[in-house]
């Protein structure tokens, strides 16, 4: 991926966005290791929930924080590459 493709903001739902160049990974929250990862981060208050009470459909890991998004993993990946 070129640096030109990676610039800009990724809309993650409900008026929220994250800088594409700060994203390390977009994870599918359905696997057992990712569920444990999310639960540990929640216990330590190191996660930002932007689902607005909806089901977590993607986990976004950035350089500074981890976000829970209600937008599907597949949709976020498609948006990232636009």
N, C-alpha and C. Protein backbone atom coordinates (compact mmCIF):
# COMPACT_ATOMS: atom_id res chain seq x y z
N UNK A 1 0.85 -1.17 0.00
CA UNK A 1 0.00 0.00 0.00
C UNK A 1 0.90 1.23 0.00
N UNK A 2 0.65 2.14 -0.89
CA UNK A 2 1.46 3.36 -0.95
C UNK A 2 1.05 4.32 0.14
N UNK A 3 1.95 5.25 0.48
CA UNK A 3 1.62 6.22 1.52
C UNK A 3 0.48 7.12 1.08
N UNK A 4 0.31 7.33 -0.23
CA UNK A 4 -0.79 8.15 -0.72
C UNK A 4 -2.13 7.49 -0.42
N UNK A 5 -2.23 6.16 -0.58
CA UNK A 5 -3.47 5.44 -0.30
C UNK A 5 -3.81 5.48 1.18
N UNK A 6 -2.80 5.54 2.02
CA UNK A 6 -2.99 5.41 3.46
C UNK A 6 -3.34 6.73 4.14
N UNK A 7 -3.39 7.84 3.43
CA UNK A 7 -3.71 9.13 4.03
C UNK A 7 -5.21 9.31 4.14
N UNK A 8 -5.63 10.17 5.06
CA UNK A 8 -7.04 10.48 5.21
C UNK A 8 -7.64 9.85 6.44
N UNK A 9 -8.95 9.96 6.51
CA UNK A 9 -9.69 9.44 7.66
C UNK A 9 -10.53 8.24 7.25
N UNK A 10 -10.62 7.28 8.16
CA UNK A 10 -11.47 6.11 7.97
C UNK A 10 -12.72 6.30 8.81
N UNK A 11 -13.91 6.44 8.15
CA UNK A 11 -15.15 6.54 8.92
C UNK A 11 -15.44 5.20 9.61
N UNK A 12 -15.65 5.23 10.93
CA UNK A 12 -15.87 4.00 11.68
C UNK A 12 -17.26 3.92 12.29
N UNK A 13 -18.13 4.83 11.89
CA UNK A 13 -19.52 4.78 12.31
C UNK A 13 -19.91 5.87 13.28
N UNK A 14 -21.17 6.31 13.16
CA UNK A 14 -21.80 7.27 14.06
C UNK A 14 -21.03 8.58 14.16
N UNK A 15 -20.51 9.05 13.03
CA UNK A 15 -19.80 10.31 12.98
C UNK A 15 -18.36 10.26 13.46
N UNK A 16 -17.87 9.08 13.77
CA UNK A 16 -16.50 8.91 14.24
C UNK A 16 -15.59 8.51 13.08
N UNK A 17 -14.33 8.92 13.17
CA UNK A 17 -13.34 8.56 12.16
C UNK A 17 -11.99 8.46 12.85
N UNK A 18 -11.09 7.73 12.22
CA UNK A 18 -9.73 7.58 12.73
C UNK A 18 -8.77 7.79 11.55
N UNK A 19 -7.63 8.37 11.85
CA UNK A 19 -6.63 8.62 10.83
C UNK A 19 -6.10 7.28 10.29
N UNK A 20 -6.17 7.09 8.99
CA UNK A 20 -5.73 5.83 8.38
C UNK A 20 -4.27 5.54 8.65
N UNK A 21 -3.45 6.57 8.70
CA UNK A 21 -2.02 6.32 8.89
C UNK A 21 -1.65 5.94 10.33
N UNK A 22 -2.62 5.97 11.25
CA UNK A 22 -2.37 5.56 12.63
C UNK A 22 -2.83 4.13 12.90
N UNK A 23 -3.55 3.52 11.93
CA UNK A 23 -4.11 2.19 12.12
C UNK A 23 -3.03 1.13 11.95
N UNK A 24 -2.95 0.24 12.93
CA UNK A 24 -2.03 -0.89 12.87
C UNK A 24 -2.75 -2.12 12.34
N UNK A 25 -4.00 -2.34 12.79
CA UNK A 25 -4.76 -3.52 12.36
C UNK A 25 -6.25 -3.28 12.52
N UNK A 26 -7.02 -3.95 11.68
CA UNK A 26 -8.47 -4.03 11.83
C UNK A 26 -8.76 -5.51 12.02
N UNK A 27 -9.35 -5.84 13.16
CA UNK A 27 -9.54 -7.24 13.53
C UNK A 27 -11.01 -7.65 13.52
N UNK A 28 -11.24 -8.89 13.14
CA UNK A 28 -12.57 -9.48 13.22
C UNK A 28 -12.77 -9.93 14.67
N UNK A 29 -13.80 -9.45 15.36
CA UNK A 29 -13.94 -9.72 16.79
C UNK A 29 -14.49 -11.10 17.14
N UNK A 30 -14.69 -11.98 16.16
CA UNK A 30 -15.36 -13.25 16.42
C UNK A 30 -14.45 -14.37 16.92
N UNK A 31 -13.14 -14.27 16.70
CA UNK A 31 -12.26 -15.37 17.11
C UNK A 31 -12.00 -15.32 18.62
N UNK A 32 -11.77 -16.49 19.21
CA UNK A 32 -11.56 -16.59 20.65
C UNK A 32 -10.37 -15.76 21.13
N UNK A 33 -9.22 -15.78 20.44
CA UNK A 33 -8.10 -14.95 20.93
C UNK A 33 -8.43 -13.45 20.92
N UNK A 34 -9.17 -13.00 19.93
CA UNK A 34 -9.53 -11.58 19.85
C UNK A 34 -10.54 -11.23 20.94
N UNK A 35 -11.45 -12.13 21.25
CA UNK A 35 -12.42 -11.91 22.34
C UNK A 35 -11.67 -11.74 23.66
N UNK A 36 -10.67 -12.60 23.90
CA UNK A 36 -9.87 -12.49 25.13
C UNK A 36 -9.09 -11.17 25.15
N UNK A 37 -8.51 -10.80 24.01
CA UNK A 37 -7.78 -9.54 23.87
C UNK A 37 -8.69 -8.36 24.22
N UNK A 38 -9.89 -8.34 23.66
CA UNK A 38 -10.85 -7.26 23.92
C UNK A 38 -11.24 -7.23 25.39
N UNK A 39 -11.53 -8.39 25.97
CA UNK A 39 -11.93 -8.45 27.38
C UNK A 39 -10.83 -7.94 28.31
N UNK A 40 -9.58 -8.28 28.01
CA UNK A 40 -8.46 -7.80 28.84
C UNK A 40 -8.32 -6.28 28.73
N UNK A 41 -8.47 -5.76 27.53
CA UNK A 41 -8.38 -4.31 27.35
C UNK A 41 -9.51 -3.59 28.08
N UNK A 42 -10.71 -4.16 28.05
CA UNK A 42 -11.85 -3.55 28.76
C UNK A 42 -11.58 -3.51 30.26
N UNK A 43 -11.04 -4.59 30.81
CA UNK A 43 -10.73 -4.63 32.25
C UNK A 43 -9.77 -3.52 32.64
N UNK A 44 -8.82 -3.24 31.77
CA UNK A 44 -7.79 -2.23 32.03
C UNK A 44 -8.20 -0.83 31.57
N UNK A 45 -9.45 -0.67 31.11
CA UNK A 45 -9.96 0.60 30.60
C UNK A 45 -9.06 1.18 29.51
N UNK A 46 -8.61 0.32 28.61
CA UNK A 46 -7.72 0.75 27.52
C UNK A 46 -8.39 0.63 26.16
N UNK A 47 -9.71 0.73 26.14
CA UNK A 47 -10.45 0.55 24.90
C UNK A 47 -11.49 1.66 24.79
N UNK A 48 -11.75 2.09 23.57
CA UNK A 48 -12.77 3.11 23.33
C UNK A 48 -13.90 2.46 22.54
N UNK A 49 -15.09 2.49 23.10
CA UNK A 49 -16.26 1.87 22.47
C UNK A 49 -17.04 2.92 21.70
N UNK A 50 -17.04 2.82 20.37
CA UNK A 50 -17.80 3.76 19.53
C UNK A 50 -18.94 3.04 18.82
N UNK A 51 -19.45 1.97 19.45
CA UNK A 51 -20.54 1.20 18.85
C UNK A 51 -21.92 1.81 19.12
N UNK A 52 -21.99 2.73 20.07
CA UNK A 52 -23.26 3.32 20.50
C UNK A 52 -24.26 2.25 20.92
N UNK A 53 -23.76 1.27 21.68
CA UNK A 53 -24.62 0.23 22.23
C UNK A 53 -24.93 -0.91 21.27
N UNK A 54 -24.40 -0.87 20.10
CA UNK A 54 -24.64 -1.94 19.13
C UNK A 54 -23.56 -3.01 19.26
N UNK A 55 -23.76 -4.10 18.56
CA UNK A 55 -22.82 -5.21 18.57
C UNK A 55 -21.47 -4.78 18.00
N UNK A 56 -20.39 -5.22 18.63
CA UNK A 56 -19.04 -4.95 18.12
C UNK A 56 -18.82 -5.83 16.89
N UNK A 57 -18.54 -5.17 15.76
CA UNK A 57 -18.35 -5.90 14.51
C UNK A 57 -16.94 -5.77 13.97
N UNK A 58 -16.13 -4.92 14.60
CA UNK A 58 -14.71 -4.77 14.22
C UNK A 58 -13.95 -4.15 15.38
N UNK A 59 -12.68 -4.51 15.48
CA UNK A 59 -11.79 -3.93 16.47
C UNK A 59 -10.65 -3.26 15.71
N UNK A 60 -10.43 -1.99 15.99
CA UNK A 60 -9.42 -1.21 15.29
C UNK A 60 -8.29 -0.91 16.27
N UNK A 61 -7.10 -1.39 15.93
CA UNK A 61 -5.91 -1.17 16.76
C UNK A 61 -5.11 -0.04 16.11
N UNK A 62 -4.87 1.01 16.89
CA UNK A 62 -4.06 2.13 16.39
C UNK A 62 -2.79 2.22 17.22
N UNK A 63 -1.95 3.18 16.86
CA UNK A 63 -0.70 3.38 17.59
C UNK A 63 -0.94 3.72 19.06
N UNK A 64 -2.06 4.37 19.37
CA UNK A 64 -2.30 4.89 20.71
C UNK A 64 -3.42 4.23 21.48
N UNK A 65 -4.38 3.63 20.79
CA UNK A 65 -5.57 3.10 21.46
C UNK A 65 -6.22 2.02 20.61
N UNK A 66 -7.25 1.38 21.21
CA UNK A 66 -8.03 0.35 20.52
C UNK A 66 -9.48 0.80 20.53
N UNK A 67 -10.13 0.66 19.38
CA UNK A 67 -11.52 1.09 19.22
C UNK A 67 -12.42 -0.10 18.90
N UNK A 68 -13.62 -0.08 19.46
CA UNK A 68 -14.65 -1.05 19.08
C UNK A 68 -15.60 -0.33 18.14
N UNK A 69 -15.87 -0.94 16.98
CA UNK A 69 -16.76 -0.33 16.00
C UNK A 69 -17.96 -1.22 15.72
N UNK A 70 -19.09 -0.58 15.46
CA UNK A 70 -20.30 -1.29 15.08
C UNK A 70 -20.38 -1.54 13.58
N UNK A 71 -19.41 -1.03 12.83
CA UNK A 71 -19.35 -1.23 11.38
C UNK A 71 -18.62 -2.56 11.13
N UNK A 72 -19.09 -3.33 10.16
CA UNK A 72 -18.51 -4.65 9.93
C UNK A 72 -17.04 -4.57 9.53
N UNK A 73 -16.32 -5.60 9.90
CA UNK A 73 -14.91 -5.77 9.58
C UNK A 73 -14.69 -5.61 8.08
N UNK A 74 -15.50 -6.28 7.28
CA UNK A 74 -15.37 -6.24 5.82
C UNK A 74 -15.58 -4.83 5.27
N UNK A 75 -16.58 -4.13 5.79
CA UNK A 75 -16.87 -2.76 5.34
C UNK A 75 -15.71 -1.82 5.65
N UNK A 76 -15.14 -1.96 6.85
CA UNK A 76 -14.01 -1.11 7.22
C UNK A 76 -12.80 -1.37 6.33
N UNK A 77 -12.54 -2.63 6.02
CA UNK A 77 -11.42 -2.96 5.13
C UNK A 77 -11.65 -2.34 3.76
N UNK A 78 -12.89 -2.45 3.24
CA UNK A 78 -13.21 -1.84 1.94
C UNK A 78 -13.01 -0.32 1.98
N UNK A 79 -13.48 0.31 3.05
CA UNK A 79 -13.33 1.77 3.19
C UNK A 79 -11.86 2.17 3.29
N UNK A 80 -11.08 1.34 3.98
CA UNK A 80 -9.66 1.65 4.13
C UNK A 80 -8.95 1.72 2.78
N UNK A 81 -9.35 0.84 1.87
CA UNK A 81 -8.69 0.77 0.56
C UNK A 81 -9.27 1.71 -0.47
N UNK A 82 -10.32 2.47 -0.13
CA UNK A 82 -10.91 3.42 -1.08
C UNK A 82 -10.01 4.62 -1.27
